Amino acid sequence: MSGRVEALWIKRAIRGVMDPAEQLSLVAGKGVDTDANFGRRKRQVTVIAKEAFDAIAEELPGVQPSMRRANVMVSGIELEQTRDRVLTLGAVRIRILGETRPCERMDAQVAGLTAALDPHWNGGVFGVVLDDGPVRVGDVAALAED
């Protein structure tokens, strides 16, 4: 299954603003360079699916993908039930460790967003970075075959 990197964000500070980016620098075992979560053990990078957000936006006008507070948005990739799979973004690989569960902070932005993100892993996935390298908007995104 392959797709495309659609959008990228860097978090300035914990609970801080998500800044859009054209490129992220990923560091193996550390995460997204300059991101507030850099150096975390397990949740080094977060990924959401464009298709999930397109469907949510139809139900909840005003929802923007950056509200999910993820680092990467991909299209053409089904993220549900991908725990322990490897996602390639450009030349960088990420080992998916699990589902990014939505929290009450989502509803602080748009009422109903937490519930909309809850089913089918709509809140995306998190994982650890396996390779150093850049990820750019437009890069190929692919799930490695089992």
Protein backbone atom coordinates (compact mmCIF):
# COMPACT_ATOMS: atom_id res chain seq x y z
CA MET A 1 0.00 0.00 0.00
CA SER A 2 1.53 3.33 -0.99
CA GLY A 3 0.51 6.94 -0.82
CA ARG A 4 1.94 10.41 -0.34
CA VAL A 5 3.08 12.78 2.41
CA GLU A 6 0.45 15.55 2.32
CA ALA A 7 1.42 17.85 5.20
CA LEU A 8 3.98 18.25 7.98
CA TRP A 9 3.99 20.05 11.32
CA ILE A 10 6.46 20.80 14.11
CA LYS A 11 5.29 21.38 17.68
CA ARG A 12 7.13 24.34 19.27
CA ALA A 13 6.36 23.41 22.87
CA ILE A 14 4.34 20.85 24.80
CA ARG A 15 0.71 21.94 24.27
CA GLY A 16 2.11 24.63 21.97
CA VAL A 17 1.32 25.76 18.46
CA MET A 18 1.75 23.38 15.52
CA ASP A 19 3.79 25.06 12.81
CA PRO A 20 3.34 23.85 9.22
CA ALA A 21 6.56 22.78 7.50
CA GLU A 22 7.61 21.72 4.02
CA GLN A 23 10.29 19.41 5.45
CA LEU A 24 11.06 17.65 8.73
CA SER A 25 14.43 16.30 9.81
CA LEU A 26 14.00 12.94 11.53
CA VAL A 27 16.64 11.45 13.81
CA ALA A 28 16.79 7.70 14.47
CA GLY A 29 15.75 6.86 18.00
CA LYS A 30 14.94 10.51 18.81
CA GLY A 31 12.14 11.77 16.57
CA VAL A 32 11.53 15.06 14.78
CA ASP A 33 14.44 17.47 15.24
CA THR A 34 13.33 20.74 16.92
CA ASP A 35 9.93 19.25 17.88
CA ALA A 36 8.84 19.53 21.53
CA ASN A 37 8.66 15.73 21.76
CA PHE A 38 12.23 15.19 20.48
CA GLY A 39 13.97 12.46 22.44
CA ARG A 40 10.87 10.65 23.69
CA ARG A 41 11.27 6.93 23.97
CA LYS A 42 8.16 5.69 22.14
CA ARG A 43 6.08 8.53 20.74
CA GLN A 44 8.74 10.13 18.55
CA VAL A 45 6.54 10.89 15.55
CA THR A 46 2.78 10.93 14.99
CA VAL A 47 0.99 10.30 11.71
CA ILE A 48 -2.61 10.91 10.58
CA ALA A 49 -4.51 9.95 7.43
CA LYS A 50 -5.91 12.64 5.12
CA GLU A 51 -8.92 10.50 4.23
CA ALA A 52 -9.96 10.29 7.90
CA PHE A 53 -9.78 14.06 8.26
CA ASP A 54 -11.67 14.69 5.05
CA ALA A 55 -14.53 12.54 6.40
CA ILE A 56 -14.43 14.24 9.82
CA ALA A 57 -14.48 17.70 8.22
CA GLU A 58 -17.74 16.80 6.46
CA GLU A 59 -19.33 16.10 9.87
CA LEU A 60 -17.60 18.90 11.80
CA PRO A 61 -17.13 22.03 9.69
CA GLY A 62 -14.15 24.02 10.84
CA VAL A 63 -11.98 21.02 11.69
CA GLN A 64 -8.42 21.40 10.45
CA PRO A 65 -5.89 18.52 10.35
CA SER A 66 -3.42 20.53 12.43
CA MET A 67 -5.91 20.33 15.31
CA ARG A 68 -4.93 16.67 15.75
CA ARG A 69 -1.43 17.87 16.62
CA ALA A 70 0.34 15.23 14.53
CA ASN A 71 3.67 15.62 12.75
CA VAL A 72 2.76 13.98 9.44
CA MET A 73 -0.37 13.64 7.29
CA VAL A 74 -0.38 10.92 4.64
CA SER A 75 -2.87 9.99 1.95
CA GLY A 76 -3.45 6.59 0.42
CA ILE A 77 -2.41 4.71 3.56
CA GLU A 78 -4.84 2.87 5.85
CA LEU A 79 -3.43 3.34 9.37
CA GLU A 80 -5.95 1.24 11.31
CA GLN A 81 -4.44 -1.93 12.82
CA THR A 82 -0.87 -1.16 11.69
CA ARG A 83 0.85 -1.74 15.06
CA ASP A 84 4.36 -3.20 14.56
CA ARG A 85 4.38 -2.36 10.84
CA VAL A 86 6.99 -0.16 9.21
CA LEU A 87 5.88 3.03 7.47
CA THR A 88 8.31 4.58 4.99
CA LEU A 89 8.15 8.35 4.42
CA GLY A 90 10.55 9.23 1.63
CA ALA A 91 13.81 7.53 2.67
CA VAL A 92 12.94 7.41 6.39
CA ARG A 93 11.35 4.43 8.14
CA ILE A 94 9.09 4.56 11.20
CA ARG A 95 8.12 1.55 13.29
CA ILE A 96 4.46 2.05 14.24
CA LEU A 97 3.97 1.24 17.92
CA GLY A 98 0.27 1.96 18.25
CA GLU A 99 -2.78 4.12 17.91
CA THR A 100 -2.68 7.78 18.96
CA ARG A 101 -5.77 7.95 21.16
CA PRO A 102 -7.68 11.26 21.09
CA CYS A 103 -7.94 13.23 24.31
CA GLU A 104 -10.27 15.89 25.71
CA ARG A 105 -8.03 18.63 24.29
CA MET A 106 -9.53 17.85 20.89
CA ASP A 107 -12.99 19.00 22.05
CA ALA A 108 -11.49 22.26 23.33
CA GLN A 109 -10.85 23.10 19.67
CA VAL A 110 -14.08 21.77 18.10
CA ALA A 111 -16.92 20.14 20.03
CA GLY A 112 -17.25 16.51 18.97
CA LEU A 113 -13.72 16.12 17.63
CA THR A 114 -12.68 13.59 20.29
CA ALA A 115 -15.59 11.28 19.39
CA ALA A 116 -14.94 11.69 15.66
CA LEU A 117 -11.28 10.69 16.10
CA ASP A 118 -12.04 7.70 18.32
CA PRO A 119 -13.19 4.97 15.88
CA HIS A 120 -11.01 3.23 13.31
CA TRP A 121 -7.76 4.81 14.54
CA ASN A 122 -8.89 8.16 13.06
CA GLY A 123 -6.57 9.86 15.54
CA GLY A 124 -3.62 8.30 13.75
CA VAL A 125 -0.59 6.37 14.91
CA PHE A 126 2.67 6.97 16.74
CA GLY A 127 6.03 5.35 16.38
CA VAL A 128 9.79 5.44 16.61
CA VAL A 129 12.13 6.72 13.94
CA LEU A 130 14.44 4.04 12.48
CA ASP A 131 16.54 6.18 10.10
CA ASP A 132 18.03 9.67 10.01
CA GLY A 133 16.84 11.79 7.13
CA PRO A 134 14.45 14.37 5.74
CA VAL A 135 10.74 13.93 5.08
CA ARG A 136 9.18 16.35 2.60
CA VAL A 137 5.67 17.18 1.52
CA GLY A 138 5.14 15.18 -1.68
CA ASP A 139 7.37 12.24 -0.65
CA VAL A 140 6.09 8.73 -1.24
CA ALA A 141 4.57 7.08 1.83
CA ALA A 142 4.32 3.29 1.99
CA LEU A 143 3.61 0.52 4.44
CA ALA A 144 6.08 -2.35 4.26
CA GLU A 145 4.54 -5.70 3.44
CA ASP A 146 4.13 -8.07 6.39
